[in-house]
Protein backbone atom coordinates (compact mmCIF):
# COMPACT_ATOMS: atom_id res chain seq x y z
CA MET A 1 160.77 19.65 197.49
CA LYS A 2 163.44 22.00 199.29
CA THR A 3 162.52 20.48 202.73
CA PHE A 4 163.06 16.96 201.29
CA ALA A 5 166.43 17.98 199.79
CA GLY A 6 167.33 19.65 202.97
CA VAL A 7 166.60 16.58 204.98
CA LEU A 8 168.59 14.38 202.45
CA VAL A 9 171.57 16.60 202.89
CA ALA A 10 171.27 16.55 206.75
CA LEU A 11 170.92 12.80 206.79
CA GLY A 12 173.73 12.34 204.37
CA LEU A 13 175.99 14.48 206.37
CA ALA A 14 175.18 12.66 209.49
CA MET A 15 175.70 9.32 207.94
CA ALA A 16 178.99 10.47 206.49
CA LEU A 17 180.29 11.75 209.81
CA TYR A 18 179.15 8.57 211.66
CA GLY A 19 180.66 6.34 208.77
CA TRP A 20 184.11 8.03 208.91
CA GLN A 21 184.31 7.88 212.60
CA ALA A 22 183.39 4.16 212.82
CA TRP A 23 185.25 3.18 209.62
CA ASN A 24 181.86 2.13 208.23
CA PRO A 25 180.75 1.93 204.64
CA ALA A 26 177.78 4.25 205.68
CA ALA A 27 180.14 7.09 204.95
CA PHE A 28 179.85 6.41 201.17
CA VAL A 29 176.09 6.27 201.45
CA GLY A 30 175.97 9.39 203.45
CA LEU A 31 178.21 11.24 200.83
CA ALA A 32 175.88 10.06 198.10
CA LEU A 33 172.72 11.25 199.85
CA THR A 34 174.37 14.65 200.41
CA VAL A 35 175.22 14.90 196.76
CA VAL A 36 171.67 13.95 195.70
CA GLY A 37 170.26 16.55 198.14
CA ILE A 38 172.50 19.22 196.73
CA VAL A 39 171.64 18.38 193.19
CA VAL A 40 167.93 18.35 194.06
CA LEU A 41 168.25 21.79 195.81
CA ALA A 42 170.10 23.25 192.85
CA THR A 43 167.58 22.03 190.38
CA SER A 44 164.40 22.39 192.28
CA GLY A 45 163.66 25.95 191.28
CA ARG A 46 164.16 25.36 187.59
CA ARG A 47 161.08 24.70 185.48
CA PRO A 48 161.31 24.04 181.75
CA HIS A 49 159.34 26.78 179.81
CA ARG A 50 157.32 25.89 176.76
């Protein structure tokens, strides 16, 4: 799961940089992917205990 989140963050950053450079709406998608990846990384180690 951490690899998946890392890939999301990397892809999101790449899309955001490309989108802002080209004035493309992909920048917002990249930003959203980055945020989702960070949230997955932050919550991936937490398991509810019963």
